[in-house]
Amino acid sequence: MARAASSLRREANRTLTVPLYPHPQALINNLQEYVKEELPVSIITGFNGSIGCFAGLTVTTLTTILSLALTMTAANAADSKYIYQFTYQAGSVEAEVSINGVPIVLDKIGYSGTGSAPLNIWLKPEDNVLTVKLKGLPKSKPGDSSHFKMFIARAEAGQYNDEGERIVEFDWDSDSSKEKLPVEKKFDLKVKPPYTLELWTKADVLKLDADTEKAARAYLKAVSDAYVKADSGKIAEYNEFSLNDFSRANYQEISSLAQSKKDLKEFFGMLKEQKAKFAPINAAKAKLQLVADGRLIMVTDKDGKPPLVAKSADGGEFINPIYLGRVGGKWVVAR
């Protein structure tokens, strides 16, 4: 293969100057004609032309390194089925955390609490941003201590959070941190998952005008009725979009609608054994909020909590968040 005139330069002292920013495979191809000469190599390490010299680096060793890098990159691309998990601990602070515009922590009590949330189901193909907002409690006094600590772990399937690599960490403490409340931080996750969620490619971008709100509330009532009646068939149909994205995000095969109906029937059988059933959602008074860049409507009750709750006889609860969306003009439970 002919080498580009501007790619490699043979200097007067028989040193080969190599720019690193082209694709490694292109460099490997261009280096082939120099392999037999065993020339020493200088590497252009910056786009401004700055040169870093590496003792003992020759054309052969550089070619080997580049080839190994390509092999490792290919292996990582094939095995990059990571699970991303957000974990936090808060004390005496009001915390709001969102991923790509979707709230995953809304701690309005704030005195003390810990929590964890999976992130895979919210990830875009790229440009994933986590936002942390901290505020003082309404009744806090000057000098009161507060703290917030969080991390995002990237783990392989089967690993626990603390075994995975921490790709983002943030620790704020009122006694030792320079920043004072309120605090807002944004973190670029630099994550490119090997799957694409249809939330970001097929869901309509909504405006919460009067007509959209009316249609959303009517659909919400239909969803609520299906859960109250334990209608596995309708619930499976309503949740098909969400369940398919969930499977993609967790590297699972997408279940058929028939299988989803069967799984839901078993789930409602379990609830029945525990003498639990879903209470109806007050669709007319539920709070509706656009999130995910307008692709989702987050539904909460008047207190900002998930609206779908099943209570058992012993006081246990099964709580299910609901996010409505519209795909090609058709309403769905998108999350």
C-alpha atoms as a PDB file:
ATOM      1  CA  MET A   1       0.000   0.000   0.000  1.00  0.00           C
ATOM      2  CA  ALA A   2       1.340   3.419  -0.892  1.00  0.00           C
ATOM      3  CA  ARG A   3       1.989   5.640   2.093  1.00  0.00           C
ATOM      4  CA  ALA A   4       0.569   9.137   2.339  1.00  0.00           C
ATOM      5  CA  ALA A   5       3.220  11.803   1.824  1.00  0.00           C
ATOM      6  CA  SER A   6       2.356  13.567   5.094  1.00  0.00           C
ATOM      7  CA  SER A   7       2.087  10.440   7.264  1.00  0.00           C
ATOM      8  CA  LEU A   8       5.683   9.411   7.966  1.00  0.00           C
ATOM      9  CA  ARG A   9       8.934  11.365   7.766  1.00  0.00           C
ATOM     10  CA  ARG A  10      12.469   9.939   7.543  1.00  0.00           C
ATOM     11  CA  GLU A  11      14.708  12.452   9.293  1.00  0.00           C
ATOM     12  CA  ALA A  12      18.354  13.208   8.442  1.00  0.00           C
ATOM     13  CA  ASN A  13      19.468  11.230  11.519  1.00  0.00           C
ATOM     14  CA  ARG A  14      17.627   8.131  10.202  1.00  0.00           C
ATOM     15  CA  THR A  15      14.810   8.557  12.749  1.00  0.00           C
ATOM     16  CA  LEU A  16      11.294   7.878  11.534  1.00  0.00           C
ATOM     17  CA  THR A  17       8.759  10.473  12.775  1.00  0.00           C
ATOM     18  CA  VAL A  18       5.290   8.985  13.210  1.00  0.00           C
ATOM     19  CA  PRO A  19       1.972  10.768  13.973  1.00  0.00           C
ATOM     20  CA  LEU A  20      -0.197   8.719  16.359  1.00  0.00           C
ATOM     21  CA  TYR A  21      -3.559  10.283  15.665  1.00  0.00           C
ATOM     22  CA  PRO A  22      -4.469   8.388  12.449  1.00  0.00           C
ATOM     23  CA  HIS A  23      -6.193   5.022  12.851  1.00  0.00           C
ATOM     24  CA  PRO A  24      -3.706   2.354  14.084  1.00  0.00           C
ATOM     25  CA  GLN A  25      -4.413   0.054  11.131  1.00  0.00           C
ATOM     26  CA  ALA A  26      -3.477   2.809   8.659  1.00  0.00           C
ATOM     27  CA  LEU A  27      -0.181   3.316  10.479  1.00  0.00           C
ATOM     28  CA  ILE A  28       0.542  -0.401  10.452  1.00  0.00           C
ATOM     29  CA  ASN A  29       0.020  -0.459   6.695  1.00  0.00           C
ATOM     30  CA  ASN A  30       2.295   2.552   6.164  1.00  0.00           C
ATOM     31  CA  LEU A  31       5.017   1.183   8.442  1.00  0.00           C
ATOM     32  CA  GLN A  32       5.460  -2.068   6.523  1.00  0.00           C
ATOM     33  CA  GLU A  33       8.041  -0.720   4.085  1.00  0.00           C
ATOM     34  CA  TYR A  34      10.276   0.380   6.987  1.00  0.00           C
ATOM     35  CA  VAL A  35      10.162  -2.807   9.081  1.00  0.00           C
ATOM     36  CA  LYS A  36      13.366  -4.320   7.667  1.00  0.00           C
ATOM     37  CA  GLU A  37      15.369  -1.137   8.328  1.00  0.00           C
ATOM     38  CA  GLU A  38      14.770  -1.212  12.100  1.00  0.00           C
ATOM     39  CA  LEU A  39      14.734   2.584  12.261  1.00  0.00           C
ATOM     40  CA  PRO A  40      14.366   4.312  15.635  1.00  0.00           C
ATOM     41  CA  VAL A  41      11.000   6.063  16.011  1.00  0.00           C
ATOM     42  CA  SER A  42       9.887   9.445  17.304  1.00  0.00           C
ATOM     43  CA  ILE A  43       6.167   9.897  17.913  1.00  0.00           C
ATOM     44  CA  ILE A  44       4.158  13.052  17.315  1.00  0.00           C
ATOM     45  CA  THR A  45       2.105  13.014  20.522  1.00  0.00           C
ATOM     46  CA  GLY A  46      -0.015  16.116  19.972  1.00  0.00           C
ATOM     47  CA  PHE A  47      -2.027  17.657  17.174  1.00  0.00           C
ATOM     48  CA  ASN A  48       0.177  20.738  17.494  1.00  0.00           C
ATOM     49  CA  GLY A  49       3.138  18.689  16.269  1.00  0.00           C
ATOM     50  CA  SER A  50       4.936  18.191  19.602  1.00  0.00           C
ATOM     51  CA  ILE A  51       7.275  15.189  19.502  1.00  0.00           C
ATOM     52  CA  GLY A  52       7.948  12.657  22.262  1.00  0.00           C
ATOM     53  CA  CYS A  53      10.987  10.381  21.890  1.00  0.00           C
ATOM     54  CA  PHE A  54      10.823   6.882  23.358  1.00  0.00           C
ATOM     55  CA  ALA A  55      14.127   5.103  23.978  1.00  0.00           C
ATOM     56  CA  GLY A  56      14.439   1.768  22.231  1.00  0.00           C
ATOM     57  CA  LEU A  57      11.252   2.117  20.203  1.00  0.00           C
ATOM     58  CA  THR A  58      11.721   0.853  16.653  1.00  0.00           C
ATOM     59  CA  VAL A  59       9.429   0.343  13.686  1.00  0.00           C
ATOM     60  CA  THR A  60       9.045  -3.344  14.550  1.00  0.00           C
ATOM     61  CA  THR A  61       8.120  -2.756  18.192  1.00  0.00           C
ATOM     62  CA  LEU A  62       5.732   0.065  17.287  1.00  0.00           C
ATOM     63  CA  THR A  63       3.997  -2.166  14.729  1.00  0.00           C
ATOM     64  CA  THR A  64       3.675  -4.921  17.351  1.00  0.00           C
ATOM     65  CA  ILE A  65       2.227  -2.490  19.904  1.00  0.00           C
ATOM     66  CA  LEU A  66      -0.296  -1.135  17.433  1.00  0.00           C
ATOM     67  CA  SER A  67      -1.348  -4.628  16.375  1.00  0.00           C
ATOM     68  CA  LEU A  68      -1.810  -5.648  20.011  1.00  0.00           C
ATOM     69  CA  ALA A  69      -3.862  -2.492  20.664  1.00  0.00           C
ATOM     70  CA  LEU A  70      -6.137  -3.329  17.747  1.00  0.00           C
ATOM     71  CA  THR A  71      -6.586  -6.896  19.018  1.00  0.00           C
ATOM     72  CA  MET A  72      -7.432  -5.702  22.527  1.00  0.00           C
ATOM     73  CA  THR A  73      -9.840  -3.085  21.193  1.00  0.00           C
ATOM     74  CA  ALA A  74     -11.664  -5.701  19.144  1.00  0.00           C
ATOM     75  CA  ALA A  75     -11.853  -8.007  22.170  1.00  0.00           C
ATOM     76  CA  ASN A  76     -13.202  -5.234  24.378  1.00  0.00           C
ATOM     77  CA  ALA A  77     -15.793  -4.309  21.762  1.00  0.00           C
ATOM     78  CA  ALA A  78     -16.985  -7.919  21.648  1.00  0.00           C
ATOM     79  CA  ASP A  79     -17.042  -8.342  25.451  1.00  0.00           C
ATOM     80  CA  SER A  80     -18.277  -4.915  26.513  1.00  0.00           C
ATOM     81  CA  LYS A  81     -21.523  -6.194  27.983  1.00  0.00           C
ATOM     82  CA  TYR A  82     -21.247  -4.137  31.120  1.00  0.00           C
ATOM     83  CA  ILE A  83     -23.835  -3.390  33.767  1.00  0.00           C
ATOM     84  CA  TYR A  84     -23.715   0.219  34.996  1.00  0.00           C
ATOM     85  CA  GLN A  85     -24.972   0.855  38.520  1.00  0.00           C
ATOM     86  CA  PHE A  86     -25.384   4.113  40.413  1.00  0.00           C
ATOM     87  CA  THR A  87     -24.985   4.043  44.225  1.00  0.00           C
ATOM     88  CA  TYR A  88     -25.300   6.911  46.667  1.00  0.00           C
ATOM     89  CA  GLN A  89     -25.305   7.823  50.346  1.00  0.00           C
ATOM     90  CA  ALA A  90     -26.803  11.088  51.616  1.00  0.00           C
ATOM     91  CA  GLY A  91     -27.148  12.790  54.959  1.00  0.00           C
ATOM     92  CA  SER A  92     -29.059  15.974  55.853  1.00  0.00           C
ATOM     93  CA  VAL A  93     -29.161  17.195  52.269  1.00  0.00           C
ATOM     94  CA  GLU A  94     -31.829  17.396  49.567  1.00  0.00           C
ATOM     95  CA  ALA A  95     -30.550  15.461  46.543  1.00  0.00           C
ATOM     96  CA  GLU A  96     -31.748  15.182  42.951  1.00  0.00           C
ATOM     97  CA  VAL A  97     -29.824  12.991  40.501  1.00  0.00           C
ATOM     98  CA  SER A  98     -30.757  12.440  36.854  1.00  0.00           C
ATOM     99  CA  ILE A  99     -29.313  10.485  33.937  1.00  0.00           C
ATOM    100  CA  ASN A 100     -29.998  11.928  30.484  1.00  0.00           C
ATOM    101  CA  GLY A 101     -32.775  14.038  31.941  1.00  0.00           C
ATOM    102  CA  VAL A 102     -34.480  11.173  33.816  1.00  0.00           C
ATOM    103  CA  PRO A 103     -34.579  11.495  37.646  1.00  0.00           C
ATOM    104  CA  ILE A 104     -33.152   8.434  39.402  1.00  0.00           C
ATOM    105  CA  VAL A 105     -32.883  10.004  42.867  1.00  0.00           C
ATOM    106  CA  LEU A 106     -35.459  12.415  44.254  1.00  0.00           C
ATOM    107  CA  ASP A 107     -34.603  12.466  47.949  1.00  0.00           C
ATOM    108  CA  LYS A 108     -36.730  15.232  49.428  1.00  0.00           C
ATOM    109  CA  ILE A 109     -36.385  13.970  52.998  1.00  0.00           C
ATOM    110  CA  GLY A 110     -32.634  13.910  52.886  1.00  0.00           C
ATOM    111  CA  TYR A 111     -31.750  13.372  56.546  1.00  0.00           C
ATOM    112  CA  SER A 112     -30.083  10.056  55.824  1.00  0.00           C
ATOM    113  CA  GLY A 113     -30.429   7.508  53.111  1.00  0.00           C
ATOM    114  CA  THR A 114     -28.695   5.159  50.724  1.00  0.00           C
ATOM    115  CA  GLY A 115     -29.809   3.822  47.404  1.00  0.00           C
ATOM    116  CA  SER A 116     -28.819   2.247  44.134  1.00  0.00           C
ATOM    117  CA  ALA A 117     -30.216   2.379  40.613  1.00  0.00           C
ATOM    118  CA  PRO A 118     -29.357   0.523  37.390  1.00  0.00           C
ATOM    119  CA  LEU A 119     -28.422   2.847  34.522  1.00  0.00           C
ATOM    120  CA  ASN A 120     -28.388   0.572  31.466  1.00  0.00           C
ATOM    121  CA  ILE A 121     -32.074   1.141  30.752  1.00  0.00           C
ATOM    122  CA  TRP A 122     -31.465   4.913  30.388  1.00  0.00           C
ATOM    123  CA  LEU A 123     -28.247   4.960  28.336  1.00  0.00           C
ATOM    124  CA  LYS A 124     -28.034   6.626  24.951  1.00  0.00           C
ATOM    125  CA  PRO A 125     -25.690   5.350  22.213  1.00  0.00           C
ATOM    126  CA  GLU A 126     -23.343   8.191  23.324  1.00  0.00           C
ATOM    127  CA  ASP A 127     -23.307  11.571  25.123  1.00  0.00           C
ATOM    128  CA  ASN A 128     -24.564  10.190  28.441  1.00  0.00           C
ATOM    129  CA  VAL A 129     -24.645  12.796  31.203  1.00  0.00           C
ATOM    130  CA  LEU A 130     -25.320  12.369  34.919  1.00  0.00           C
ATOM    131  CA  THR A 131     -26.447  15.486  36.803  1.00  0.00           C
ATOM    132  CA  VAL A 132     -26.294  15.900  40.589  1.00  0.00           C
ATOM    133  CA  LYS A 133     -28.129  18.751  42.350  1.00  0.00           C
ATOM    134  CA  LEU A 134     -27.797  19.276  46.110  1.00  0.00           C
ATOM    135  CA  LYS A 135     -29.735  21.735  48.260  1.00  0.00           C
ATOM    136  CA  GLY A 136     -29.983  22.418  51.953  1.00  0.00           C
ATOM    137  CA  LEU A 137     -32.974  21.118  53.873  1.00  0.00           C
ATOM    138  CA  PRO A 138     -35.805  23.617  54.445  1.00  0.00           C
ATOM    139  CA  LYS A 139     -35.217  23.599  58.224  1.00  0.00           C
ATOM    140  CA  SER A 140     -31.418  23.426  58.145  1.00  0.00           C
ATOM    141  CA  LYS A 141     -29.445  25.913  60.205  1.00  0.00           C
ATOM    142  CA  PRO A 142     -26.020  27.476  59.590  1.00  0.00           C
ATOM    143  CA  GLY A 143     -23.373  25.059  60.804  1.00  0.00           C
ATOM    144  CA  ASP A 144     -25.470  21.910  60.323  1.00  0.00           C
ATOM    145  CA  SER A 145     -23.379  19.104  58.816  1.00  0.00           C
ATOM    146  CA  SER A 146     -24.478  17.399  55.609  1.00  0.00           C
ATOM    147  CA  HIS A 147     -22.906  15.101  53.039  1.00  0.00           C
ATOM    148  CA  PHE A 148     -23.502  13.330  49.745  1.00  0.00           C
ATOM    149  CA  LYS A 149     -21.377  10.572  48.246  1.00  0.00           C
ATOM    150  CA  MET A 150     -21.950   8.622  45.049  1.00  0.00           C
ATOM    151  CA  PHE A 151     -20.227   6.432  42.476  1.00  0.00           C
ATOM    152  CA  ILE A 152     -21.020   4.667  39.221  1.00  0.00           C
ATOM    153  CA  ALA A 153     -19.613   1.165  38.857  1.00  0.00           C
ATOM    154  CA  ARG A 154     -19.093  -0.657  35.582  1.00  0.00           C
ATOM    155  CA  ALA A 155     -19.296  -4.382  36.249  1.00  0.00           C
ATOM    156  CA  GLU A 156     -19.420  -7.477  34.124  1.00  0.00           C
ATOM    157  CA  ALA A 157     -22.407  -9.783  34.333  1.00  0.00           C
ATOM    158  CA  GLY A 158     -22.326 -11.677  37.618  1.00  0.00           C
ATOM    159  CA  GLN A 159     -20.161  -9.136  39.433  1.00  0.00           C
ATOM    160  CA  TYR A 160     -21.259  -7.089  42.417  1.00  0.00           C
ATOM    161  CA  ASN A 161     -21.034  -3.286  42.326  1.00  0.00           C
ATOM    162  CA  ASP A 162     -17.978  -3.160  44.560  1.00  0.00           C
ATOM    163  CA  GLU A 163     -16.165  -5.571  42.242  1.00  0.00           C
ATOM    164  CA  GLY A 164     -16.649  -3.390  39.181  1.00  0.00           C
ATOM    165  CA  GLU A 165     -14.575  -0.466  37.995  1.00  0.00           C
ATOM    166  CA  ARG A 166     -15.691   2.891  39.363  1.00  0.00           C
ATOM    167  CA  ILE A 167     -15.915   5.196  36.361  1.00  0.00           C
ATOM    168  CA  VAL A 168     -17.375   8.192  38.222  1.00  0.00           C
ATOM    169  CA  GLU A 169     -17.031   9.204  41.877  1.00  0.00           C
ATOM    170  CA  PHE A 170     -18.223  12.300  43.732  1.00  0.00           C
ATOM    171  CA  ASP A 171     -17.924  13.100  47.424  1.00  0.00           C
ATOM    172  CA  TRP A 172     -19.301  16.303  48.945  1.00  0.00           C
ATOM    173  CA  ASP A 173     -19.191  17.218  52.623  1.00  0.00           C
ATOM    174  CA  SER A 174     -20.272  20.499  54.163  1.00  0.00           C
ATOM    175  CA  ASP A 175     -17.375  20.469  56.624  1.00  0.00           C
ATOM    176  CA  SER A 176     -14.536  19.785  54.197  1.00  0.00           C
ATOM    177  CA  SER A 177     -15.702  20.722  50.673  1.00  0.00           C
ATOM    178  CA  LYS A 178     -15.011  24.199  49.327  1.00  0.00           C
ATOM    179  CA  GLU A 179     -18.313  24.338  47.464  1.00  0.00           C
ATOM    180  CA  LYS A 180     -21.314  25.484  49.469  1.00  0.00           C
ATOM    181  CA  LEU A 181     -24.947  24.551  48.884  1.00  0.00           C
ATOM    182  CA  PRO A 182     -26.625  24.642  46.464  1.00  0.00           C
ATOM    183  CA  VAL A 183     -24.274  22.470  44.394  1.00  0.00           C
ATOM    184  CA  GLU A 184     -24.777  21.252  40.821  1.00  0.00           C
ATOM    185  CA  LYS A 185     -22.388  18.888  39.035  1.00  0.00           C
ATOM    186  CA  LYS A 186     -22.513  17.275  35.591  1.00  0.00           C
ATOM    187  CA  PHE A 187     -20.533  14.144  34.718  1.00  0.00           C
ATOM    188  CA  ASP A 188     -19.857  12.935  31.172  1.00  0.00           C
ATOM    189  CA  LEU A 189     -19.960   9.145  31.549  1.00  0.00           C
ATOM    190  CA  LYS A 190     -18.009   8.495  28.317  1.00  0.00           C
ATOM    191  CA  VAL A 191     -20.069   5.348  27.865  1.00  0.00           C
ATOM    192  CA  LYS A 192     -21.059   3.880  24.499  1.00  0.00           C
ATOM    193  CA  PRO A 193     -23.176   0.779  25.153  1.00  0.00           C
ATOM    194  CA  PRO A 194     -23.182  -2.005  22.521  1.00  0.00           C
ATOM    195  CA  TYR A 195     -26.954  -1.785  22.183  1.00  0.00           C
ATOM    196  CA  THR A 196     -29.432   0.869  21.074  1.00  0.00           C
ATOM    197  CA  LEU A 197     -32.596   1.486  23.058  1.00  0.00           C
ATOM    198  CA  GLU A 198     -35.688   2.305  21.040  1.00  0.00           C
ATOM    199  CA  LEU A 199     -36.569   4.952  23.608  1.00  0.00           C
ATOM    200  CA  TRP A 200     -33.973   7.197  21.948  1.00  0.00           C
ATOM    201  CA  THR A 201     -34.702   6.213  18.344  1.00  0.00           C
ATOM    202  CA  LYS A 202     -38.458   5.574  18.059  1.00  0.00           C
ATOM    203  CA  ALA A 203     -40.275   7.367  20.885  1.00  0.00           C
ATOM    204  CA  ASP A 204     -42.019  10.584  19.846  1.00  0.00           C
ATOM    205  CA  VAL A 205     -40.809  13.854  21.350  1.00  0.00           C
ATOM    206  CA  LEU A 206     -43.829  15.207  23.201  1.00  0.00           C
ATOM    207  CA  LYS A 207     -45.134  18.574  24.293  1.00  0.00           C
ATOM    208  CA  LEU A 208     -47.347  18.424  27.351  1.00  0.00           C
ATOM    209  CA  ASP A 209     -50.163  20.571  25.971  1.00  0.00           C
ATOM    210  CA  ALA A 210     -53.837  20.161  26.865  1.00  0.00           C
ATOM    211  CA  ASP A 211     -54.549  17.531  24.185  1.00  0.00           C
ATOM    212  CA  THR A 212     -51.470  15.449  25.033  1.00  0.00           C
ATOM    213  CA  GLU A 213     -52.241  15.601  28.749  1.00  0.00           C
ATOM    214  CA  LYS A 214     -55.842  14.523  28.185  1.00  0.00           C
ATOM    215  CA  ALA A 215     -54.752  11.554  26.042  1.00  0.00           C
ATOM    216  CA  ALA A 216     -52.025  10.582  28.534  1.00  0.00           C
ATOM    217  CA  ARG A 217     -54.448  10.585  31.463  1.00  0.00           C
ATOM    218  CA  ALA A 218     -56.968   8.483  29.539  1.00  0.00           C
ATOM    219  CA  TYR A 219     -54.253   5.945  28.699  1.00  0.00           C
ATOM    220  CA  LEU A 220     -53.001   5.993  32.308  1.00  0.00           C
ATOM    221  CA  LYS A 221     -56.491   5.072  33.527  1.00  0.00           C
ATOM    222  CA  ALA A 222     -56.609   2.133  31.099  1.00  0.00           C
ATOM    223  CA  VAL A 223     -53.219   0.945  32.386  1.00  0.00           C
ATOM    224  CA  SER A 224     -54.361   1.305  35.991  1.00  0.00           C
ATOM    225  CA  ASP A 225     -57.556  -0.664  35.299  1.00  0.00           C
ATOM    226  CA  ALA A 226     -55.527  -3.505  33.794  1.00  0.00           C
ATOM    227  CA  TYR A 227     -53.311  -3.746  36.902  1.00  0.00           C
ATOM    228  CA  VAL A 228     -56.290  -3.591  39.284  1.00  0.00           C
ATOM    229  CA  LYS A 229     -57.973  -6.407  37.340  1.00  0.00           C
ATOM    230  CA  ALA A 230     -54.668  -8.351  37.046  1.00  0.00           C
ATOM    231  CA  ASP A 231     -55.223  -8.529  33.287  1.00  0.00           C
ATOM    232  CA  SER A 232     -51.916 -10.111  32.228  1.00  0.00           C
ATOM    233  CA  GLY A 233     -52.749  -9.946  28.526  1.00  0.00           C
ATOM    234  CA  LYS A 234     -53.383  -6.207  28.410  1.00  0.00           C
ATOM    235  CA  ILE A 235     -50.481  -5.399  30.725  1.00  0.00           C
ATOM    236  CA  ALA A 236     -48.106  -7.362  28.495  1.00  0.00           C
ATOM    237  CA  GLU A 237     -49.321  -5.406  25.467  1.00  0.00           C
ATOM    238  CA  TYR A 238     -49.045  -2.059  27.264  1.00  0.00           C
ATOM    239  CA  ASN A 239     -45.499  -2.872  28.464  1.00  0.00           C
ATOM    240  CA  GLU A 240     -44.139  -4.579  25.325  1.00  0.00           C
ATOM    241  CA  PHE A 241     -42.028  -1.574  24.291  1.00  0.00           C
ATOM    242  CA  SER A 242     -40.562  -1.237  27.773  1.00  0.00           C
ATOM    243  CA  LEU A 243     -39.867  -4.954  28.208  1.00  0.00           C
ATOM    244  CA  ASN A 244     -38.079  -5.145  24.852  1.00  0.00           C
ATOM    245  CA  ASP A 245     -35.807  -2.229  25.755  1.00  0.00           C
ATOM    246  CA  PHE A 246     -35.172  -3.800  29.165  1.00  0.00           C
ATOM    247  CA  SER A 247     -34.026  -6.998  27.457  1.00  0.00           C
ATOM    248  CA  ARG A 248     -31.686  -5.050  25.165  1.00  0.00           C
ATOM    249  CA  ALA A 249     -30.197  -3.117  28.079  1.00  0.00           C
ATOM    250  CA  ASN A 250     -29.517  -6.310  30.042  1.00  0.00           C
ATOM    251  CA  TYR A 251     -28.194  -8.378  27.104  1.00  0.00           C
ATOM    252  CA  GLN A 252     -31.128 -10.784  27.172  1.00  0.00           C
ATOM    253  CA  GLU A 253     -33.158 -12.279  24.379  1.00  0.00           C
ATOM    254  CA  ILE A 254     -36.383 -10.412  23.713  1.00  0.00           C
ATOM    255  CA  SER A 255     -39.308 -12.458  24.993  1.00  0.00           C
ATOM    256  CA  SER A 256     -42.372 -13.088  22.868  1.00  0.00           C
ATOM    257  CA  LEU A 257     -45.615 -11.416  23.842  1.00  0.00           C
ATOM    258  CA  ALA A 258     -46.990 -14.851  24.776  1.00  0.00           C
ATOM    259  CA  GLN A 259     -44.074 -15.451  27.155  1.00  0.00           C
ATOM    260  CA  SER A 260     -44.531 -12.015  28.736  1.00  0.00           C
ATOM    261  CA  LYS A 261     -48.202 -12.786  29.350  1.00  0.00           C
ATOM    262  CA  LYS A 262     -47.220 -16.083  30.986  1.00  0.00           C
ATOM    263  CA  ASP A 263     -44.625 -14.394  33.207  1.00  0.00           C
ATOM    264  CA  LEU A 264     -47.114 -11.728  34.289  1.00  0.00           C
ATOM    265  CA  LYS A 265     -49.715 -14.363  35.090  1.00  0.00           C
ATOM    266  CA  GLU A 266     -47.215 -16.049  37.407  1.00  0.00           C
ATOM    267  CA  PHE A 267     -46.384 -12.678  38.970  1.00  0.00           C
ATOM    268  CA  PHE A 268     -50.029 -11.948  39.753  1.00  0.00           C
ATOM    269  CA  GLY A 269     -50.349 -15.461  41.161  1.00  0.00           C
ATOM    270  CA  MET A 270     -47.512 -14.647  43.559  1.00  0.00           C
ATOM    271  CA  LEU A 271     -49.250 -11.404  44.598  1.00  0.00           C
ATOM    272  CA  LYS A 272     -52.471 -13.318  45.215  1.00  0.00           C
ATOM    273  CA  GLU A 273     -50.654 -15.745  47.517  1.00  0.00           C
ATOM    274  CA  GLN A 274     -49.451 -12.739  49.517  1.00  0.00           C
ATOM    275  CA  LYS A 275     -52.975 -11.286  49.516  1.00  0.00           C
ATOM    276  CA  ALA A 276     -51.728  -8.241  47.639  1.00  0.00           C
ATOM    277  CA  LYS A 277     -53.344  -6.328  44.813  1.00  0.00           C
ATOM    278  CA  PHE A 278     -52.738  -3.057  43.021  1.00  0.00           C
ATOM    279  CA  ALA A 279     -54.675  -0.004  44.111  1.00  0.00           C
ATOM    280  CA  PRO A 280     -56.147   2.148  41.322  1.00  0.00           C
ATOM    281  CA  ILE A 281     -54.223   5.220  40.182  1.00  0.00           C
ATOM    282  CA  ASN A 282     -56.040   8.520  40.409  1.00  0.00           C
ATOM    283  CA  ALA A 283     -55.333   9.365  36.769  1.00  0.00           C
ATOM    284  CA  ALA A 284     -57.099  12.715  36.964  1.00  0.00           C
ATOM    285  CA  LYS A 285     -54.865  13.980  39.787  1.00  0.00           C
ATOM    286  CA  ALA A 286     -51.589  12.224  39.001  1.00  0.00           C
ATOM    287  CA  LYS A 287     -48.599  14.486  38.365  1.00  0.00           C
ATOM    288  CA  LEU A 288     -47.237  14.378  34.809  1.00  0.00           C
ATOM    289  CA  GLN A 289     -43.712  15.580  34.030  1.00  0.00           C
ATOM    290  CA  LEU A 290     -41.784  15.469  30.757  1.00  0.00           C
ATOM    291  CA  VAL A 291     -38.362  13.813  31.092  1.00  0.00           C
ATOM    292  CA  ALA A 292     -35.791  12.186  28.790  1.00  0.00           C
ATOM    293  CA  ASP A 293     -35.716  15.182  26.438  1.00  0.00           C
ATOM    294  CA  GLY A 294     -39.495  15.008  26.050  1.00  0.00           C
ATOM    295  CA  ARG A 295     -39.628  11.332  25.126  1.00  0.00           C
ATOM    296  CA  LEU A 296     -41.210  10.211  28.399  1.00  0.00           C
ATOM    297  CA  ILE A 297     -43.941  11.400  30.744  1.00  0.00           C
ATOM    298  CA  MET A 298     -43.001  10.520  34.311  1.00  0.00           C
ATOM    299  CA  VAL A 299     -46.112   9.750  36.364  1.00  0.00           C
ATOM    300  CA  THR A 300     -46.143  10.294  40.139  1.00  0.00           C
ATOM    301  CA  ASP A 301     -48.763  10.701  42.839  1.00  0.00           C
ATOM    302  CA  LYS A 302     -49.433  14.024  44.571  1.00  0.00           C
ATOM    303  CA  ASP A 303     -46.402  13.469  46.832  1.00  0.00           C
ATOM    304  CA  GLY A 304     -44.031  12.771  43.933  1.00  0.00           C
ATOM    305  CA  LYS A 305     -43.910   9.006  44.544  1.00  0.00           C
ATOM    306  CA  PRO A 306     -44.433   6.166  42.008  1.00  0.00           C
ATOM    307  CA  PRO A 307     -48.196   5.775  41.496  1.00  0.00           C
ATOM    308  CA  LEU A 308     -48.591   2.025  41.060  1.00  0.00           C
ATOM    309  CA  VAL A 309     -48.576   0.267  44.452  1.00  0.00           C
ATOM    310  CA  ALA A 310     -49.669  -3.184  45.568  1.00  0.00           C
ATOM    311  CA  LYS A 311     -49.940  -3.710  49.335  1.00  0.00           C
ATOM    312  CA  SER A 312     -49.957  -7.114  51.011  1.00  0.00           C
ATOM    313  CA  ALA A 313     -51.806  -8.134  54.151  1.00  0.00           C
ATOM    314  CA  ASP A 314     -48.602  -8.054  56.223  1.00  0.00           C
ATOM    315  CA  GLY A 315     -47.853  -4.443  55.247  1.00  0.00           C
ATOM    316  CA  GLY A 316     -45.393  -5.190  52.426  1.00  0.00           C
ATOM    317  CA  GLU A 317     -45.459  -3.123  49.248  1.00  0.00           C
ATOM    318  CA  PHE A 318     -44.652  -3.670  45.596  1.00  0.00           C
ATOM    319  CA  ILE A 319     -44.002  -0.256  44.031  1.00  0.00           C
ATOM    320  CA  ASN A 320     -43.829   0.222  40.276  1.00  0.00           C
ATOM    321  CA  PRO A 321     -42.824   3.508  38.561  1.00  0.00           C
ATOM    322  CA  ILE A 322     -44.613   4.411  35.343  1.00  0.00           C
ATOM    323  CA  TYR A 323     -43.299   6.390  32.382  1.00  0.00           C
ATOM    324  CA  LEU A 324     -45.650   6.859  29.463  1.00  0.00           C
ATOM    325  CA  GLY A 325     -44.497   7.415  25.910  1.00  0.00           C
ATOM    326  CA  ARG A 326     -45.833   7.544  22.388  1.00  0.00           C
ATOM    327  CA  VAL A 327     -44.351   5.554  19.538  1.00  0.00           C
ATOM    328  CA  GLY A 328     -45.546   6.346  16.060  1.00  0.00           C
ATOM    329  CA  GLY A 329     -48.619   8.010  17.551  1.00  0.00           C
ATOM    330  CA  LYS A 330     -49.503   5.010  19.768  1.00  0.00           C
ATOM    331  CA  TRP A 331     -49.364   5.328  23.565  1.00  0.00           C
ATOM    332  CA  VAL A 332     -47.209   2.800  25.444  1.00  0.00           C
ATOM    333  CA  VAL A 333     -45.804   2.195  28.902  1.00  0.00           C
ATOM    334  CA  ALA A 334     -42.268   3.099  27.804  1.00  0.00           C
ATOM    335  CA  ARG A 335     -40.637   2.388  31.178  1.00  0.00           C
END
